[in-house]
Amino acid sequence: MERRVRILVTLGLIAALMGLMFINVEPEVDLSVDELMESPEEYDGESLRIYGKISSLDAGNYSLILMGENHTIEIDYSGASLPSMAAENKTVSIRGEFHSNSNGWMMHAYEIKTGCPSKYEAEA
């Protein structure tokens, strides 16, 4: 009888821990530069992931400009490491915190990934 009780208690604890993991996970917002800049106020102060092409890269100031079809956004990547494959006209995915500043809208990146553009586009 004792063994059954221990097994049931262990299974109950595992189920409770798994339930807590699902409760604490917030879905991550994944947007293109154009989708983000259509209504930037909606995402002010939020942590999200955006994708686009690098239009200019300033390694000395740890900043880059990410562009979509119609909009651009300034990225401060001083809190992230820039992948070796990151260069102008390359598609990247950037995770960070989005907010406004005196010059407009900006994102402070904490993760930058390069990859195939089709990875970041929704399937048709």
N, C-alpha and C. Protein backbone atom coordinates (compact mmCIF):
# COMPACT_ATOMS: atom_id res chain seq x y z
N MET A 1 0.81 -1.20 0.00
CA MET A 1 0.00 0.00 0.00
C MET A 1 0.85 1.26 0.00
N GLU A 2 1.94 1.25 0.75
CA GLU A 2 2.82 2.41 0.81
C GLU A 2 3.41 2.75 -0.55
N ARG A 3 3.76 1.72 -1.28
CA ARG A 3 4.36 1.94 -2.61
C ARG A 3 3.38 2.64 -3.54
N ARG A 4 2.12 2.24 -3.51
CA ARG A 4 1.10 2.88 -4.35
C ARG A 4 0.95 4.36 -3.99
N VAL A 5 0.96 4.66 -2.73
CA VAL A 5 0.82 6.04 -2.27
C VAL A 5 2.00 6.88 -2.77
N ARG A 6 3.20 6.35 -2.66
CA ARG A 6 4.38 7.09 -3.14
C ARG A 6 4.31 7.32 -4.64
N ILE A 7 3.88 6.32 -5.38
CA ILE A 7 3.76 6.46 -6.84
C ILE A 7 2.72 7.52 -7.18
N LEU A 8 1.57 7.47 -6.52
CA LEU A 8 0.51 8.46 -6.77
C LEU A 8 0.96 9.87 -6.41
N VAL A 9 1.65 10.03 -5.30
CA VAL A 9 2.15 11.35 -4.90
C VAL A 9 3.16 11.86 -5.91
N THR A 10 4.07 10.98 -6.37
CA THR A 10 5.07 11.37 -7.36
C THR A 10 4.41 11.79 -8.67
N LEU A 11 3.45 10.99 -9.14
CA LEU A 11 2.75 11.35 -10.37
C LEU A 11 1.96 12.65 -10.22
N GLY A 12 1.38 12.86 -9.05
CA GLY A 12 0.66 14.11 -8.80
C GLY A 12 1.59 15.32 -8.82
N LEU A 13 2.77 15.18 -8.23
CA LEU A 13 3.75 16.28 -8.27
C LEU A 13 4.22 16.57 -9.68
N ILE A 14 4.47 15.53 -10.45
CA ILE A 14 4.89 15.73 -11.85
C ILE A 14 3.80 16.44 -12.64
N ALA A 15 2.57 16.03 -12.48
CA ALA A 15 1.45 16.68 -13.18
C ALA A 15 1.32 18.14 -12.76
N ALA A 16 1.47 18.42 -11.46
CA ALA A 16 1.37 19.80 -10.98
C ALA A 16 2.49 20.66 -11.55
N LEU A 17 3.72 20.14 -11.59
CA LEU A 17 4.84 20.90 -12.16
C LEU A 17 4.63 21.17 -13.64
N MET A 18 4.15 20.19 -14.37
CA MET A 18 3.89 20.40 -15.80
C MET A 18 2.80 21.45 -16.00
N GLY A 19 1.78 21.42 -15.15
CA GLY A 19 0.73 22.43 -15.23
C GLY A 19 1.26 23.83 -14.98
N LEU A 20 2.15 23.97 -14.01
CA LEU A 20 2.76 25.28 -13.73
C LEU A 20 3.61 25.76 -14.88
N MET A 21 4.30 24.85 -15.55
CA MET A 21 5.13 25.25 -16.70
C MET A 21 4.26 25.84 -17.79
N PHE A 22 3.12 25.27 -18.06
CA PHE A 22 2.25 25.77 -19.12
C PHE A 22 1.58 27.08 -18.73
N ILE A 23 1.31 27.29 -17.47
CA ILE A 23 0.69 28.53 -17.01
C ILE A 23 1.66 29.70 -17.13
N ASN A 24 2.93 29.49 -16.83
CA ASN A 24 3.91 30.58 -16.81
C ASN A 24 4.48 30.93 -18.18
N VAL A 25 4.24 30.14 -19.21
CA VAL A 25 4.79 30.42 -20.53
C VAL A 25 3.87 31.38 -21.26
N GLU A 26 4.41 32.55 -21.61
CA GLU A 26 3.65 33.52 -22.38
C GLU A 26 3.96 33.32 -23.86
N PRO A 27 2.96 33.38 -24.72
CA PRO A 27 3.24 33.23 -26.14
C PRO A 27 4.07 34.41 -26.64
N GLU A 28 5.00 34.12 -27.51
CA GLU A 28 5.86 35.18 -28.04
C GLU A 28 5.25 35.75 -29.32
N VAL A 29 5.22 37.06 -29.41
CA VAL A 29 4.70 37.74 -30.58
C VAL A 29 5.77 37.68 -31.67
N ASP A 30 5.38 37.27 -32.88
CA ASP A 30 6.30 37.13 -34.00
C ASP A 30 5.76 37.96 -35.16
N LEU A 31 6.45 39.08 -35.49
CA LEU A 31 5.95 40.02 -36.48
C LEU A 31 7.02 40.40 -37.49
N SER A 32 6.57 40.82 -38.66
CA SER A 32 7.49 41.44 -39.62
C SER A 32 7.64 42.91 -39.22
N VAL A 33 8.62 43.58 -39.77
CA VAL A 33 8.82 45.01 -39.49
C VAL A 33 7.57 45.79 -39.88
N ASP A 34 6.99 45.49 -41.03
CA ASP A 34 5.80 46.22 -41.49
C ASP A 34 4.60 45.98 -40.58
N GLU A 35 4.40 44.74 -40.13
CA GLU A 35 3.28 44.46 -39.22
C GLU A 35 3.44 45.22 -37.91
N LEU A 36 4.65 45.26 -37.40
CA LEU A 36 4.92 45.97 -36.15
C LEU A 36 4.67 47.47 -36.29
N MET A 37 5.16 48.04 -37.37
CA MET A 37 5.08 49.49 -37.52
C MET A 37 3.72 50.00 -37.98
N GLU A 38 2.79 49.10 -38.32
CA GLU A 38 1.43 49.54 -38.64
C GLU A 38 0.72 50.07 -37.41
N SER A 39 1.01 49.49 -36.24
CA SER A 39 0.43 49.98 -34.99
C SER A 39 1.43 49.77 -33.85
N PRO A 40 2.52 50.55 -33.85
CA PRO A 40 3.57 50.34 -32.86
C PRO A 40 3.14 50.60 -31.42
N GLU A 41 2.17 51.48 -31.20
CA GLU A 41 1.72 51.79 -29.84
C GLU A 41 1.19 50.54 -29.14
N GLU A 42 0.64 49.62 -29.91
CA GLU A 42 0.07 48.39 -29.37
C GLU A 42 1.13 47.51 -28.70
N TYR A 43 2.39 47.64 -29.14
CA TYR A 43 3.46 46.77 -28.66
C TYR A 43 4.49 47.50 -27.79
N ASP A 44 4.21 48.76 -27.43
CA ASP A 44 5.16 49.55 -26.64
C ASP A 44 5.47 48.86 -25.30
N GLY A 45 6.76 48.65 -25.04
CA GLY A 45 7.20 48.03 -23.80
C GLY A 45 7.15 46.51 -23.79
N GLU A 46 6.74 45.90 -24.88
CA GLU A 46 6.61 44.45 -24.92
C GLU A 46 7.87 43.77 -25.45
N SER A 47 8.04 42.53 -25.05
CA SER A 47 9.10 41.69 -25.56
C SER A 47 8.52 40.90 -26.73
N LEU A 48 9.17 40.97 -27.88
CA LEU A 48 8.66 40.30 -29.06
C LEU A 48 9.78 39.93 -30.01
N ARG A 49 9.41 39.24 -31.09
CA ARG A 49 10.39 38.85 -32.11
C ARG A 49 9.93 39.44 -33.44
N ILE A 50 10.86 40.08 -34.13
CA ILE A 50 10.55 40.63 -35.45
C ILE A 50 11.57 40.10 -36.46
N TYR A 51 11.19 40.16 -37.71
CA TYR A 51 12.10 39.74 -38.77
C TYR A 51 12.05 40.74 -39.92
N GLY A 52 13.16 40.84 -40.61
CA GLY A 52 13.29 41.73 -41.74
C GLY A 52 14.72 41.67 -42.27
N LYS A 53 15.03 42.54 -43.23
CA LYS A 53 16.37 42.61 -43.80
C LYS A 53 17.15 43.75 -43.18
N ILE A 54 18.45 43.53 -43.00
CA ILE A 54 19.32 44.58 -42.49
C ILE A 54 19.60 45.56 -43.62
N SER A 55 19.22 46.84 -43.44
CA SER A 55 19.50 47.82 -44.48
C SER A 55 20.81 48.55 -44.22
N SER A 56 21.17 48.74 -42.94
CA SER A 56 22.48 49.31 -42.62
C SER A 56 22.92 48.77 -41.27
N LEU A 57 24.23 48.63 -41.13
CA LEU A 57 24.81 48.02 -39.95
C LEU A 57 25.95 48.89 -39.46
N ASP A 58 25.89 49.33 -38.20
CA ASP A 58 26.94 50.15 -37.59
C ASP A 58 27.50 49.38 -36.40
N ALA A 59 28.53 48.58 -36.65
CA ALA A 59 29.11 47.72 -35.61
C ALA A 59 29.74 48.56 -34.50
N GLY A 60 30.26 49.73 -34.81
CA GLY A 60 30.89 50.58 -33.80
C GLY A 60 29.91 51.06 -32.74
N ASN A 61 28.67 51.35 -33.15
CA ASN A 61 27.65 51.83 -32.21
C ASN A 61 26.66 50.74 -31.81
N TYR A 62 26.92 49.51 -32.22
CA TYR A 62 26.02 48.39 -31.91
C TYR A 62 24.59 48.69 -32.33
N SER A 63 24.42 49.19 -33.53
CA SER A 63 23.07 49.47 -34.02
C SER A 63 22.93 49.03 -35.47
N LEU A 64 21.69 48.78 -35.85
CA LEU A 64 21.39 48.44 -37.23
C LEU A 64 19.99 48.91 -37.55
N ILE A 65 19.71 49.03 -38.82
CA ILE A 65 18.38 49.39 -39.28
C ILE A 65 17.80 48.15 -39.94
N LEU A 66 16.63 47.73 -39.45
CA LEU A 66 15.94 46.57 -40.00
C LEU A 66 14.81 47.09 -40.87
N MET A 67 14.68 46.56 -42.09
CA MET A 67 13.67 47.07 -43.00
C MET A 67 12.69 45.99 -43.42
N GLY A 68 11.48 46.44 -43.67
CA GLY A 68 10.44 45.61 -44.26
C GLY A 68 10.20 46.12 -45.66
N GLU A 69 9.02 45.90 -46.19
CA GLU A 69 8.67 46.42 -47.51
C GLU A 69 8.46 47.93 -47.47
N ASN A 70 7.82 48.43 -46.40
CA ASN A 70 7.44 49.84 -46.33
C ASN A 70 8.01 50.60 -45.14
N HIS A 71 8.49 49.90 -44.13
CA HIS A 71 8.92 50.55 -42.90
C HIS A 71 10.31 50.08 -42.49
N THR A 72 10.92 50.87 -41.59
CA THR A 72 12.20 50.48 -41.00
C THR A 72 12.12 50.69 -39.49
N ILE A 73 13.03 50.05 -38.77
CA ILE A 73 13.10 50.23 -37.32
C ILE A 73 14.56 50.16 -36.90
N GLU A 74 14.93 51.01 -35.94
CA GLU A 74 16.29 51.01 -35.42
C GLU A 74 16.42 49.94 -34.34
N ILE A 75 17.51 49.19 -34.39
CA ILE A 75 17.77 48.12 -33.43
C ILE A 75 19.07 48.43 -32.69
N ASP A 76 19.01 48.41 -31.37
CA ASP A 76 20.21 48.52 -30.53
C ASP A 76 20.56 47.10 -30.11
N TYR A 77 21.68 46.58 -30.61
CA TYR A 77 22.05 45.21 -30.29
C TYR A 77 23.23 45.13 -29.32
N SER A 78 23.40 46.16 -28.49
CA SER A 78 24.49 46.14 -27.51
C SER A 78 24.30 45.02 -26.48
N GLY A 79 23.10 44.52 -26.30
CA GLY A 79 22.83 43.45 -25.36
C GLY A 79 22.79 42.08 -26.01
N ALA A 80 23.22 41.98 -27.26
CA ALA A 80 23.18 40.70 -27.98
C ALA A 80 24.45 40.54 -28.79
N SER A 81 24.75 39.31 -29.13
CA SER A 81 25.90 39.09 -30.01
C SER A 81 25.41 39.01 -31.46
N LEU A 82 26.13 39.65 -32.34
CA LEU A 82 25.78 39.68 -33.75
C LEU A 82 26.36 38.44 -34.42
N PRO A 83 25.52 37.61 -35.05
CA PRO A 83 26.05 36.42 -35.73
C PRO A 83 26.99 36.80 -36.87
N SER A 84 27.94 35.93 -37.15
CA SER A 84 28.92 36.21 -38.20
C SER A 84 28.26 36.33 -39.58
N MET A 85 27.13 35.69 -39.78
CA MET A 85 26.44 35.75 -41.07
C MET A 85 25.59 37.02 -41.24
N ALA A 86 25.45 37.80 -40.20
CA ALA A 86 24.64 39.02 -40.28
C ALA A 86 25.39 40.07 -41.08
N ALA A 87 24.75 40.56 -42.13
CA ALA A 87 25.33 41.59 -42.99
C ALA A 87 24.19 42.33 -43.68
N GLU A 88 24.51 43.42 -44.32
CA GLU A 88 23.48 44.17 -45.04
C GLU A 88 22.80 43.29 -46.08
N ASN A 89 21.49 43.47 -46.22
CA ASN A 89 20.62 42.72 -47.12
C ASN A 89 20.41 41.26 -46.72
N LYS A 90 20.79 40.89 -45.51
CA LYS A 90 20.53 39.55 -44.99
C LYS A 90 19.27 39.60 -44.13
N THR A 91 18.47 38.54 -44.18
CA THR A 91 17.27 38.45 -43.36
C THR A 91 17.65 37.92 -41.99
N VAL A 92 17.15 38.59 -40.96
CA VAL A 92 17.42 38.19 -39.59
C VAL A 92 16.12 38.18 -38.78
N SER A 93 16.16 37.43 -37.69
CA SER A 93 15.08 37.41 -36.71
C SER A 93 15.68 37.96 -35.42
N ILE A 94 14.99 38.92 -34.82
CA ILE A 94 15.51 39.60 -33.63
C ILE A 94 14.49 39.53 -32.50
N ARG A 95 14.94 39.07 -31.34
CA ARG A 95 14.11 39.08 -30.13
C ARG A 95 14.60 40.22 -29.26
N GLY A 96 13.64 40.97 -28.70
CA GLY A 96 14.03 42.07 -27.84
C GLY A 96 12.83 42.82 -27.31
N GLU A 97 13.13 43.95 -26.68
CA GLU A 97 12.08 44.78 -26.09
C GLU A 97 11.87 46.02 -26.96
N PHE A 98 10.63 46.26 -27.31
CA PHE A 98 10.24 47.35 -28.21
C PHE A 98 9.71 48.53 -27.40
N HIS A 99 10.19 49.74 -27.72
CA HIS A 99 9.70 50.93 -27.02
C HIS A 99 9.95 52.17 -27.85
N SER A 100 9.36 53.27 -27.41
CA SER A 100 9.58 54.55 -28.09
C SER A 100 10.69 55.31 -27.39
N ASN A 101 11.36 56.16 -28.16
CA ASN A 101 12.36 57.07 -27.60
C ASN A 101 12.22 58.41 -28.30
N SER A 102 13.14 59.32 -28.07
CA SER A 102 13.02 60.67 -28.63
C SER A 102 13.08 60.69 -30.16
N ASN A 103 13.70 59.67 -30.77
CA ASN A 103 13.81 59.62 -32.23
C ASN A 103 12.72 58.79 -32.89
N GLY A 104 11.81 58.22 -32.13
CA GLY A 104 10.76 57.38 -32.69
C GLY A 104 10.70 56.04 -31.97
N TRP A 105 10.64 54.98 -32.72
CA TRP A 105 10.52 53.63 -32.15
C TRP A 105 11.84 52.89 -32.27
N MET A 106 12.15 52.07 -31.27
CA MET A 106 13.42 51.36 -31.24
C MET A 106 13.23 50.01 -30.55
N MET A 107 14.10 49.09 -30.88
CA MET A 107 14.09 47.79 -30.21
C MET A 107 15.46 47.53 -29.62
N HIS A 108 15.49 47.10 -28.35
CA HIS A 108 16.73 46.67 -27.70
C HIS A 108 16.79 45.15 -27.83
N ALA A 109 17.71 44.66 -28.64
CA ALA A 109 17.79 43.23 -28.94
C ALA A 109 18.53 42.47 -27.86
N TYR A 110 18.07 41.26 -27.59
CA TYR A 110 18.82 40.36 -26.73
C TYR A 110 19.10 39.03 -27.42
N GLU A 111 18.61 38.87 -28.66
CA GLU A 111 18.94 37.69 -29.46
C GLU A 111 18.77 38.02 -30.93
N ILE A 112 19.77 37.66 -31.74
CA ILE A 112 19.72 37.87 -33.18
C ILE A 112 20.06 36.56 -33.86
N LYS A 113 19.22 36.15 -34.82
CA LYS A 113 19.47 34.92 -35.57
C LYS A 113 19.40 35.21 -37.05
N THR A 114 20.29 34.59 -37.79
CA THR A 114 20.24 34.67 -39.25
C THR A 114 19.65 33.37 -39.76
N GLY A 115 19.19 33.39 -40.99
CA GLY A 115 18.64 32.16 -41.56
C GLY A 115 17.99 32.42 -42.89
N CYS A 116 17.36 31.40 -43.37
CA CYS A 116 16.68 31.45 -44.66
C CYS A 116 15.42 32.31 -44.52
N PRO A 117 15.15 33.23 -45.46
CA PRO A 117 13.97 34.09 -45.36
C PRO A 117 12.65 33.31 -45.28
N SER A 118 12.59 32.14 -45.89
CA SER A 118 11.34 31.38 -45.86
C SER A 118 11.01 30.91 -44.45
N LYS A 119 12.01 30.83 -43.56
CA LYS A 119 11.74 30.44 -42.17
C LYS A 119 10.87 31.45 -41.47
N TYR A 120 10.94 32.71 -41.87
CA TYR A 120 10.25 33.78 -41.14
C TYR A 120 8.94 34.19 -41.81
N GLU A 121 8.65 33.64 -42.99
CA GLU A 121 7.43 34.03 -43.70
C GLU A 121 6.36 33.00 -43.43
N ALA A 122 5.13 33.47 -43.29
CA ALA A 122 4.00 32.56 -43.08
C ALA A 122 3.75 31.75 -44.34
N GLU A 123 3.29 30.52 -44.15
CA GLU A 123 2.97 29.69 -45.29
C GLU A 123 1.72 30.20 -45.97
N ALA A 124 1.67 30.09 -47.29
CA ALA A 124 0.52 30.56 -48.04
C ALA A 124 -0.62 29.57 -48.01
